Amino acid sequence: DGSEVLAVLLSRNMPFSVGDIILFINAFIFIGAGF
């Protein structure tokens, strides 16, 4: 899954862990799944 790669790269320039970024991304995905 490419989201793992994206999260690793974003975490290098952001004050968040990889797990935090993946959780943030997936929050929007699951909201979309709700609709």
Full PDB file with SEQRES, HELIX, SHEET, SSBOND, CRYST1, ORIGX, SCALE, CONECT and MASTER records, all heavy atoms in Angstrom:
SEQRES   1 A   35  ASP GLY SER GLU VAL LEU ALA VAL LEU LEU SER ARG ASN          
SEQRES   2 A   35  MET PRO PHE SER VAL GLY ASP ILE ILE LEU PHE ILE ASN          
SEQRES   3 A   35  ALA PHE ILE PHE ILE GLY ALA GLY PHE                          
HELIX    1 AA1 GLY A    2  SER A   11  1                                  10    
HELIX    2 AA2 VAL A   18  GLY A   34  1                                  17    
CRYST1    1.000    1.000    1.000  90.00  90.00  90.00 P 1           1          
ORIGX1      1.000000  0.000000  0.000000        0.00000                         
ORIGX2      0.000000  1.000000  0.000000        0.00000                         
ORIGX3      0.000000  0.000000  1.000000        0.00000                         
SCALE1      1.000000  0.000000  0.000000        0.00000                         
SCALE2      0.000000  1.000000  0.000000        0.00000                         
SCALE3      0.000000  0.000000  1.000000        0.00000                         
ATOM      1  N   ASP A   1       0.837  -1.195   0.000  1.00  0.00           N  
ATOM      2  CA  ASP A   1       0.000   0.000   0.000  1.00  0.00           C  
ATOM      3  C   ASP A   1       0.873   1.246   0.000  1.00  0.00           C  
ATOM      4  O   ASP A   1       1.743   1.411   0.858  1.00  0.00           O  
ATOM      5  CB  ASP A   1      -0.918   0.007   1.227  1.00  0.00           C  
ATOM      6  CG  ASP A   1      -2.076   0.980   1.071  1.00  0.00           C  
ATOM      7  OD1 ASP A   1      -1.812   2.200   1.009  1.00  0.00           O  
ATOM      8  OD2 ASP A   1      -3.234   0.529   1.008  1.00  0.00           O  
ATOM      9  N   GLY A   2       0.630   2.136  -0.976  1.00  0.00           N  
ATOM     10  CA  GLY A   2       1.443   3.333  -1.120  1.00  0.00           C  
ATOM     11  C   GLY A   2       1.303   4.318   0.013  1.00  0.00           C  
ATOM     12  O   GLY A   2       2.178   5.176   0.202  1.00  0.00           O  
ATOM     13  N   SER A   3       0.229   4.219   0.815  1.00  0.00           N  
ATOM     14  CA  SER A   3       0.054   5.164   1.916  1.00  0.00           C  
ATOM     15  C   SER A   3       1.171   5.031   2.939  1.00  0.00           C  
ATOM     16  O   SER A   3       1.540   6.000   3.601  1.00  0.00           O  
ATOM     17  CB  SER A   3      -1.303   4.959   2.586  1.00  0.00           C  
ATOM     18  OG  SER A   3      -1.397   3.674   3.170  1.00  0.00           O  
ATOM     19  N   GLU A   4       1.733   3.820   3.079  1.00  0.00           N  
ATOM     20  CA  GLU A   4       2.848   3.624   4.006  1.00  0.00           C  
ATOM     21  C   GLU A   4       4.068   4.410   3.551  1.00  0.00           C  
ATOM     22  O   GLU A   4       4.755   5.058   4.355  1.00  0.00           O  
ATOM     23  CB  GLU A   4       3.196   2.137   4.091  1.00  0.00           C  
ATOM     24  CG  GLU A   4       2.074   1.278   4.655  1.00  0.00           C  
ATOM     25  CD  GLU A   4       2.353  -0.194   4.483  1.00  0.00           C  
ATOM     26  OE1 GLU A   4       3.448  -0.528   3.995  1.00  0.00           O  
ATOM     27  OE2 GLU A   4       1.484  -1.009   4.840  1.00  0.00           O  
ATOM     28  N   VAL A   5       4.362   4.344   2.252  1.00  0.00           N  
ATOM     29  CA  VAL A   5       5.504   5.080   1.701  1.00  0.00           C  
ATOM     30  C   VAL A   5       5.299   6.574   1.869  1.00  0.00           C  
ATOM     31  O   VAL A   5       6.197   7.306   2.294  1.00  0.00           O  
ATOM     32  CB  VAL A   5       5.698   4.728   0.205  1.00  0.00           C  
ATOM     33  CG1 VAL A   5       6.882   5.495  -0.364  1.00  0.00           C  
ATOM     34  CG2 VAL A   5       5.885   3.235   0.024  1.00  0.00           C  
ATOM     35  N   LEU A   6       4.088   7.051   1.549  1.00  0.00           N  
ATOM     36  CA  LEU A   6       3.787   8.481   1.672  1.00  0.00           C  
ATOM     37  C   LEU A   6       3.939   8.938   3.120  1.00  0.00           C  
ATOM     38  O   LEU A   6       4.496  10.010   3.391  1.00  0.00           O  
ATOM     39  CB  LEU A   6       2.358   8.747   1.187  1.00  0.00           C  
ATOM     40  CG  LEU A   6       1.861  10.198   1.307  1.00  0.00           C  
ATOM     41  CD1 LEU A   6       2.710  11.124   0.444  1.00  0.00           C  
ATOM     42  CD2 LEU A   6       0.395  10.292   0.919  1.00  0.00           C  
ATOM     43  N   ALA A   7       3.464   8.136   4.061  1.00  0.00           N  
ATOM     44  CA  ALA A   7       3.543   8.513   5.467  1.00  0.00           C  
ATOM     45  C   ALA A   7       4.989   8.589   5.947  1.00  0.00           C  
ATOM     46  O   ALA A   7       5.358   9.494   6.710  1.00  0.00           O  
ATOM     47  CB  ALA A   7       2.756   7.509   6.316  1.00  0.00           C  
ATOM     48  N   VAL A   8       5.820   7.653   5.508  1.00  0.00           N  
ATOM     49  CA  VAL A   8       7.240   7.683   5.879  1.00  0.00           C  
ATOM     50  C   VAL A   8       7.902   8.957   5.377  1.00  0.00           C  
ATOM     51  O   VAL A   8       8.663   9.624   6.089  1.00  0.00           O  
ATOM     52  CB  VAL A   8       7.973   6.437   5.329  1.00  0.00           C  
ATOM     53  CG1 VAL A   8       9.478   6.597   5.480  1.00  0.00           C  
ATOM     54  CG2 VAL A   8       7.513   5.188   6.053  1.00  0.00           C  
ATOM     55  N   LEU A   9       7.607   9.339   4.136  1.00  0.00           N  
ATOM     56  CA  LEU A   9       8.216  10.533   3.551  1.00  0.00           C  
ATOM     57  C   LEU A   9       7.704  11.806   4.220  1.00  0.00           C  
ATOM     58  O   LEU A   9       8.483  12.726   4.500  1.00  0.00           O  
ATOM     59  CB  LEU A   9       7.942  10.573   2.047  1.00  0.00           C  
ATOM     60  CG  LEU A   9       8.476   9.385   1.237  1.00  0.00           C  
ATOM     61  CD1 LEU A   9       8.179   9.561  -0.241  1.00  0.00           C  
ATOM     62  CD2 LEU A   9       9.970   9.226   1.451  1.00  0.00           C  
ATOM     63  N   LEU A  10       6.402  11.889   4.481  1.00  0.00           N  
ATOM     64  CA  LEU A  10       5.845  13.082   5.115  1.00  0.00           C  
ATOM     65  C   LEU A  10       6.366  13.260   6.539  1.00  0.00           C  
ATOM     66  O   LEU A  10       6.587  14.387   6.996  1.00  0.00           O  
ATOM     67  CB  LEU A  10       4.311  12.998   5.136  1.00  0.00           C  
ATOM     68  CG  LEU A  10       3.591  13.158   3.792  1.00  0.00           C  
ATOM     69  CD1 LEU A  10       2.084  12.979   3.976  1.00  0.00           C  
ATOM     70  CD2 LEU A  10       3.881  14.523   3.177  1.00  0.00           C  
ATOM     71  N   SER A  11       6.576  12.162   7.241  1.00  0.00           N  
ATOM     72  CA  SER A  11       7.009  12.240   8.634  1.00  0.00           C  
ATOM     73  C   SER A  11       8.389  12.859   8.775  1.00  0.00           C  
ATOM     74  O   SER A  11       8.750  13.358   9.846  1.00  0.00           O  
ATOM     75  CB  SER A  11       6.999  10.845   9.271  1.00  0.00           C  
ATOM     76  OG  SER A  11       7.994  10.020   8.705  1.00  0.00           O  
ATOM     77  N   ARG A  12       9.176  12.842   7.704  1.00  0.00           N  
ATOM     78  CA  ARG A  12      10.521  13.416   7.769  1.00  0.00           C  
ATOM     79  C   ARG A  12      10.498  14.928   7.868  1.00  0.00           C  
ATOM     80  O   ARG A  12      11.456  15.533   8.347  1.00  0.00           O  
ATOM     81  CB  ARG A  12      11.331  12.994   6.531  1.00  0.00           C  
ATOM     82  CG  ARG A  12      11.592  11.494   6.462  1.00  0.00           C  
ATOM     83  CD  ARG A  12      12.327  11.119   5.191  1.00  0.00           C  
ATOM     84  NE  ARG A  12      12.619   9.685   5.159  1.00  0.00           N  
ATOM     85  CZ  ARG A  12      13.192   9.066   4.139  1.00  0.00           C  
ATOM     86  NH1 ARG A  12      13.531   9.755   3.063  1.00  0.00           N  
ATOM     87  NH2 ARG A  12      13.430   7.772   4.184  1.00  0.00           N  
ATOM     88  N   ASN A  13       9.429  15.542   7.408  1.00  0.00           N  
ATOM     89  CA  ASN A  13       9.337  17.003   7.413  1.00  0.00           C  
ATOM     90  C   ASN A  13       8.174  17.523   8.248  1.00  0.00           C  
ATOM     91  O   ASN A  13       7.829  18.698   8.164  1.00  0.00           O  
ATOM     92  CB  ASN A  13       9.201  17.522   5.971  1.00  0.00           C  
ATOM     93  CG  ASN A  13      10.390  17.142   5.106  1.00  0.00           C  
ATOM     94  OD1 ASN A  13      11.532  17.401   5.455  1.00  0.00           O  
ATOM     95  ND2 ASN A  13      10.114  16.503   3.981  1.00  0.00           N  
ATOM     96  N   MET A  14       7.550  16.634   9.033  1.00  0.00           N  
ATOM     97  CA  MET A  14       6.411  17.030   9.853  1.00  0.00           C  
ATOM     98  C   MET A  14       6.613  16.529  11.279  1.00  0.00           C  
ATOM     99  O   MET A  14       7.265  15.505  11.483  1.00  0.00           O  
ATOM    100  CB  MET A  14       5.103  16.462   9.272  1.00  0.00           C  
ATOM    101  CG  MET A  14       4.773  16.955   7.870  1.00  0.00           C  
ATOM    102  SD  MET A  14       3.256  16.193   7.210  1.00  0.00           S  
ATOM    103  CE  MET A  14       2.025  16.933   8.304  1.00  0.00           C  
ATOM    104  N   PRO A  15       6.060  17.231  12.271  1.00  0.00           N  
ATOM    105  CA  PRO A  15       6.233  16.815  13.672  1.00  0.00           C  
ATOM    106  C   PRO A  15       5.261  15.719  14.094  1.00  0.00           C  
ATOM    107  O   PRO A  15       4.700  15.758  15.186  1.00  0.00           O  
ATOM    108  CB  PRO A  15       5.969  18.117  14.439  1.00  0.00           C  
ATOM    109  CG  PRO A  15       4.966  18.835  13.599  1.00  0.00           C  
ATOM    110  CD  PRO A  15       5.340  18.520  12.165  1.00  0.00           C  
ATOM    111  N   PHE A  16       5.045  14.744  13.203  1.00  0.00           N  
ATOM    112  CA  PHE A  16       4.131  13.643  13.490  1.00  0.00           C  
ATOM    113  C   PHE A  16       4.808  12.327  13.141  1.00  0.00           C  
ATOM    114  O   PHE A  16       5.650  12.265  12.235  1.00  0.00           O  
ATOM    115  CB  PHE A  16       2.822  13.772  12.702  1.00  0.00           C  
ATOM    116  CG  PHE A  16       2.073  15.048  12.962  1.00  0.00           C  
ATOM    117  CD1 PHE A  16       2.093  16.081  12.023  1.00  0.00           C  
ATOM    118  CD2 PHE A  16       1.356  15.228  14.126  1.00  0.00           C  
ATOM    119  CE1 PHE A  16       1.417  17.264  12.256  1.00  0.00           C  
ATOM    120  CE2 PHE A  16       0.665  16.411  14.370  1.00  0.00           C  
ATOM    121  CZ  PHE A  16       0.699  17.433  13.439  1.00  0.00           C  
ATOM    122  N   SER A  17       4.422  11.272  13.843  1.00  0.00           N  
ATOM    123  CA  SER A  17       4.959   9.954  13.538  1.00  0.00           C  
ATOM    124  C   SER A  17       4.276   9.386  12.297  1.00  0.00           C  
ATOM    125  O   SER A  17       3.231   9.882  11.854  1.00  0.00           O  
ATOM    126  CB  SER A  17       4.748   9.002  14.720  1.00  0.00           C  
ATOM    127  OG  SER A  17       3.375   8.695  14.865  1.00  0.00           O  
ATOM    128  N   VAL A  18       4.859   8.327  11.755  1.00  0.00           N  
ATOM    129  CA  VAL A  18       4.264   7.658  10.596  1.00  0.00           C  
ATOM    130  C   VAL A  18       2.874   7.139  10.948  1.00  0.00           C  
ATOM    131  O   VAL A  18       1.924   7.268  10.169  1.00  0.00           O  
ATOM    132  CB  VAL A  18       5.166   6.499  10.116  1.00  0.00           C  
ATOM    133  CG1 VAL A  18       4.474   5.707   9.012  1.00  0.00           C  
ATOM    134  CG2 VAL A  18       6.491   7.030   9.617  1.00  0.00           C  
ATOM    135  N   GLY A  19       2.738   6.562  12.152  1.00  0.00           N  
ATOM    136  CA  GLY A  19       1.439   6.046  12.569  1.00  0.00           C  
ATOM    137  C   GLY A  19       0.383   7.128  12.653  1.00  0.00           C  
ATOM    138  O   GLY A  19      -0.771   6.917  12.276  1.00  0.00           O  
ATOM    139  N   ASP A  20       0.774   8.322  13.143  1.00  0.00           N  
ATOM    140  CA  ASP A  20      -0.173   9.440  13.234  1.00  0.00           C  
ATOM    141  C   ASP A  20      -0.652   9.869  11.847  1.00  0.00           C  
ATOM    142  O   ASP A  20      -1.842  10.147  11.640  1.00  0.00           O  
ATOM    143  CB  ASP A  20       0.478  10.636  13.932  1.00  0.00           C  
ATOM    144  CG  ASP A  20       0.743  10.371  15.408  1.00  0.00           C  
ATOM    145  OD1 ASP A  20       0.051   9.509  15.970  1.00  0.00           O  
ATOM    146  OD2 ASP A  20       1.644  11.012  15.974  1.00  0.00           O  
ATOM    147  N   ILE A  21       0.268   9.919  10.896  1.00  0.00           N  
ATOM    148  CA  ILE A  21      -0.083  10.358   9.536  1.00  0.00           C  
ATOM    149  C   ILE A  21      -1.004   9.349   8.857  1.00  0.00           C  
ATOM    150  O   ILE A  21      -1.990   9.716   8.209  1.00  0.00           O  
ATOM    151  CB  ILE A  21       1.196  10.579   8.704  1.00  0.00           C  
ATOM    152  CG1 ILE A  21       2.003  11.743   9.287  1.00  0.00           C  
ATOM    153  CG2 ILE A  21       0.855  10.861   7.239  1.00  0.00           C  
ATOM    154  CD1 ILE A  21       3.360  11.918   8.655  1.00  0.00           C  
ATOM    155  N   ILE A  22      -0.704   8.064   9.019  1.00  0.00           N  
ATOM    156  CA  ILE A  22      -1.561   7.030   8.433  1.00  0.00           C  
ATOM    157  C   ILE A  22      -2.957   7.081   9.047  1.00  0.00           C  
ATOM    158  O   ILE A  22      -3.968   6.946   8.347  1.00  0.00           O  
ATOM    159  CB  ILE A  22      -0.934   5.633   8.632  1.00  0.00           C  
ATOM    160  CG1 ILE A  22       0.290   5.480   7.738  1.00  0.00           C  
ATOM    161  CG2 ILE A  22      -1.943   4.530   8.327  1.00  0.00           C  
ATOM    162  CD1 ILE A  22       0.978   4.145   7.850  1.00  0.00           C  
ATOM    163  N   LEU A  23      -3.023   7.295  10.359  1.00  0.00           N  
ATOM    164  CA  LEU A  23      -4.317   7.398  11.021  1.00  0.00           C  
ATOM    165  C   LEU A  23      -5.106   8.591  10.481  1.00  0.00           C  
ATOM    166  O   LEU A  23      -6.318   8.495  10.253  1.00  0.00           O  
ATOM    167  CB  LEU A  23      -4.106   7.551  12.536  1.00  0.00           C  
ATOM    168  CG  LEU A  23      -5.368   7.571  13.404  1.00  0.00           C  
ATOM    169  CD1 LEU A  23      -6.127   6.250  13.272  1.00  0.00           C  
ATOM    170  CD2 LEU A  23      -5.003   7.838  14.863  1.00  0.00           C  
ATOM    171  N   PHE A  24      -4.419   9.697  10.242  1.00  0.00           N  
ATOM    172  CA  PHE A  24      -5.062  10.900   9.704  1.00  0.00           C  
ATOM    173  C   PHE A  24      -5.601  10.634   8.293  1.00  0.00           C  
ATOM    174  O   PHE A  24      -6.731  10.996   7.963  1.00  0.00           O  
ATOM    175  CB  PHE A  24      -4.055  12.051   9.679  1.00  0.00           C  
ATOM    176  CG  PHE A  24      -4.612  13.346   9.174  1.00  0.00           C  
ATOM    177  CD1 PHE A  24      -5.433  14.132   9.974  1.00  0.00           C  
ATOM    178  CD2 PHE A  24      -4.311  13.786   7.889  1.00  0.00           C  
ATOM    179  CE1 PHE A  24      -5.950  15.329   9.500  1.00  0.00           C  
ATOM    180  CE2 PHE A  24      -4.816  14.977   7.405  1.00  0.00           C  
ATOM    181  CZ  PHE A  24      -5.641  15.761   8.213  1.00  0.00           C  
ATOM    182  N   ILE A  25      -4.788   9.995   7.452  1.00  0.00           N  
ATOM    183  CA  ILE A  25      -5.209   9.677   6.081  1.00  0.00           C  
ATOM    184  C   ILE A  25      -6.428   8.760   6.090  1.00  0.00           C  
ATOM    185  O   ILE A  25      -7.410   8.968   5.382  1.00  0.00           O  
ATOM    186  CB  ILE A  25      -4.046   9.030   5.299  1.00  0.00           C  
ATOM    187  CG1 ILE A  25      -2.908  10.036   5.093  1.00  0.00           C  
ATOM    188  CG2 ILE A  25      -4.531   8.491   3.948  1.00  0.00           C  
ATOM    189  CD1 ILE A  25      -1.651   9.421   4.502  1.00  0.00           C  
ATOM    190  N   ASN A  26      -6.347   7.732   6.928  1.00  0.00           N  
ATOM    191  CA  ASN A  26      -7.433   6.753   6.958  1.00  0.00           C  
ATOM    192  C   ASN A  26      -8.720   7.310   7.539  1.00  0.00           C  
ATOM    193  O   ASN A  26      -9.814   6.824   7.226  1.00  0.00           O  
ATOM    194  CB  ASN A  26      -6.998   5.521   7.753  1.00  0.00           C  
ATOM    195  CG  ASN A  26      -6.048   4.636   6.971  1.00  0.00           C  
ATOM    196  OD1 ASN A  26      -6.064   4.636   5.743  1.00  0.00           O  
ATOM    197  ND2 ASN A  26      -5.205   3.892   7.665  1.00  0.00           N  
ATOM    198  N   ALA A  27      -8.617   8.328   8.393  1.00  0.00           N  
ATOM    199  CA  ALA A  27      -9.827   8.948   8.933  1.00  0.00           C  
ATOM    200  C   ALA A  27     -10.697   9.493   7.807  1.00  0.00           C  
ATOM    201  O   ALA A  27     -11.922   9.298   7.794  1.00  0.00           O  
ATOM    202  CB  ALA A  27      -9.451  10.065   9.904  1.00  0.00           C  
ATOM    203  N   PHE A  28     -10.082  10.145   6.816  1.00  0.00           N  
ATOM    204  CA  PHE A  28     -10.831  10.661   5.671  1.00  0.00           C  
ATOM    205  C   PHE A  28     -11.382   9.522   4.810  1.00  0.00           C  
ATOM    206  O   PHE A  28     -12.492   9.618   4.274  1.00  0.00           O  
ATOM    207  CB  PHE A  28      -9.945  11.573   4.827  1.00  0.00           C  
ATOM    208  CG  PHE A  28      -9.705  12.918   5.449  1.00  0.00           C  
ATOM    209  CD1 PHE A  28      -8.557  13.164   6.179  1.00  0.00           C  
ATOM    210  CD2 PHE A  28     -10.639  13.939   5.307  1.00  0.00           C  
ATOM    211  CE1 PHE A  28      -8.339  14.403   6.763  1.00  0.00           C  
ATOM    212  CE2 PHE A  28     -10.430  15.184   5.887  1.00  0.00           C  
ATOM    213  CZ  PHE A  28      -9.280  15.422   6.615  1.00  0.00           C  
ATOM    214  N   ILE A  29     -10.596   8.446   4.679  1.00  0.00           N  
ATOM    215  CA  ILE A  29     -11.050   7.311   3.869  1.00  0.00           C  
ATOM    216  C   ILE A  29     -12.271   6.656   4.487  1.00  0.00           C  
ATOM    217  O   ILE A  29     -13.259   6.343   3.807  1.00  0.00           O  
ATOM    218  CB  ILE A  29      -9.906   6.292   3.700  1.00  0.00           C  
ATOM    219  CG1 ILE A  29      -8.782   6.912   2.863  1.00  0.00           C  
ATOM    220  CG2 ILE A  29     -10.419   5.004   3.033  1.00  0.00           C  
ATOM    221  CD1 ILE A  29      -7.541   6.056   2.777  1.00  0.00           C  
ATOM    222  N   PHE A  30     -12.267   6.474   5.803  1.00  0.00           N  
ATOM    223  CA  PHE A  30     -13.405   5.828   6.470  1.00  0.00           C  
ATOM    224  C   PHE A  30     -14.624   6.747   6.521  1.00  0.00           C  
ATOM    225  O   PHE A  30     -15.767   6.269   6.523  1.00  0.00           O  
ATOM    226  CB  PHE A  30     -13.002   5.379   7.871  1.00  0.00           C  
ATOM    227  CG  PHE A  30     -11.980   4.264   7.874  1.00  0.00           C  
ATOM    228  CD1 PHE A  30     -10.885   4.309   8.725  1.00  0.00           C  
ATOM    229  CD2 PHE A  30     -12.105   3.189   7.021  1.00  0.00           C  
ATOM    230  CE1 PHE A  30      -9.940   3.297   8.729  1.00  0.00           C  
ATOM    231  CE2 PHE A  30     -11.167   2.173   6.994  1.00  0.00           C  
ATOM    232  CZ  PHE A  30     -10.079   2.220   7.858  1.00  0.00           C  
ATOM    233  N   ILE A  31     -14.397   8.054   6.559  1.00  0.00           N  
ATOM    234  CA  ILE A  31     -15.524   8.990   6.453  1.00  0.00           C  
ATOM    235  C   ILE A  31     -16.184   8.851   5.082  1.00  0.00           C  
ATOM    236  O   ILE A  31     -17.412   8.805   4.955  1.00  0.00           O  
ATOM    237  CB  ILE A  31     -15.054  10.435   6.688  1.00  0.00           C  
ATOM    238  CG1 ILE A  31     -14.682  10.636   8.162  1.00  0.00           C  
ATOM    239  CG2 ILE A  31     -16.139  11.435   6.287  1.00  0.00           C  
ATOM    240  CD1 ILE A  31     -14.044  11.970   8.455  1.00  0.00           C  
ATOM    241  N   GLY A  32     -15.351   8.750   4.038  1.00  0.00           N  
ATOM    242  CA  GLY A  32     -15.890   8.524   2.695  1.00  0.00           C  
ATOM    243  C   GLY A  32     -16.626   7.210   2.599  1.00  0.00           C  
ATOM    244  O   GLY A  32     -17.682   7.116   1.945  1.00  0.00           O  
ATOM    245  N   ALA A  33     -16.104   6.175   3.281  1.00  0.00           N  
ATOM    246  CA  ALA A  33     -16.776   4.873   3.270  1.00  0.00           C  
ATOM    247  C   ALA A  33     -18.143   4.960   3.923  1.00  0.00           C  
ATOM    248  O   ALA A  33     -19.080   4.242   3.540  1.00  0.00           O  
ATOM    249  CB  ALA A  33     -15.908   3.841   3.988  1.00  0.00           C  
ATOM    250  N   GLY A  34     -18.281   5.859   4.905  1.00  0.00           N  
ATOM    251  CA  GLY A  34     -19.571   6.029   5.567  1.00  0.00           C  
ATOM    252  C   GLY A  34     -20.648   6.500   4.610  1.00  0.00           C  
ATOM    253  O   GLY A  34     -21.813   6.093   4.714  1.00  0.00           O  
ATOM    254  N   PHE A  35     -20.280   7.355   3.639  1.00  0.00           N  
ATOM    255  CA  PHE A  35     -21.250   7.857   2.659  1.00  0.00           C  
ATOM    256  C   PHE A  35     -21.623   6.770   1.643  1.00  0.00           C  
ATOM    257  O   PHE A  35     -22.730   6.781   1.102  1.00  0.00           O  
ATOM    258  CB  PHE A  35     -20.683   9.071   1.929  1.00  0.00           C  
ATOM    259  CG  PHE A  35     -20.625  10.311   2.777  1.00  0.00           C  
ATOM    260  CD1 PHE A  35     -19.427  10.720   3.334  1.00  0.00           C  
ATOM    261  CD2 PHE A  35     -21.767  11.059   3.034  1.00  0.00           C  
ATOM    262  CE1 PHE A  35     -19.361  11.856   4.122  1.00  0.00           C  
ATOM    263  CE2 PHE A  35     -21.714  12.198   3.825  1.00  0.00           C  
ATOM    264  CZ  PHE A  35     -20.510  12.593   4.377  1.00  0.00           C  
TER     265      PHE A  35                                                      
MASTER        0    0    0    2    0    0    0    6  264    1    0    3          
END                                                                             
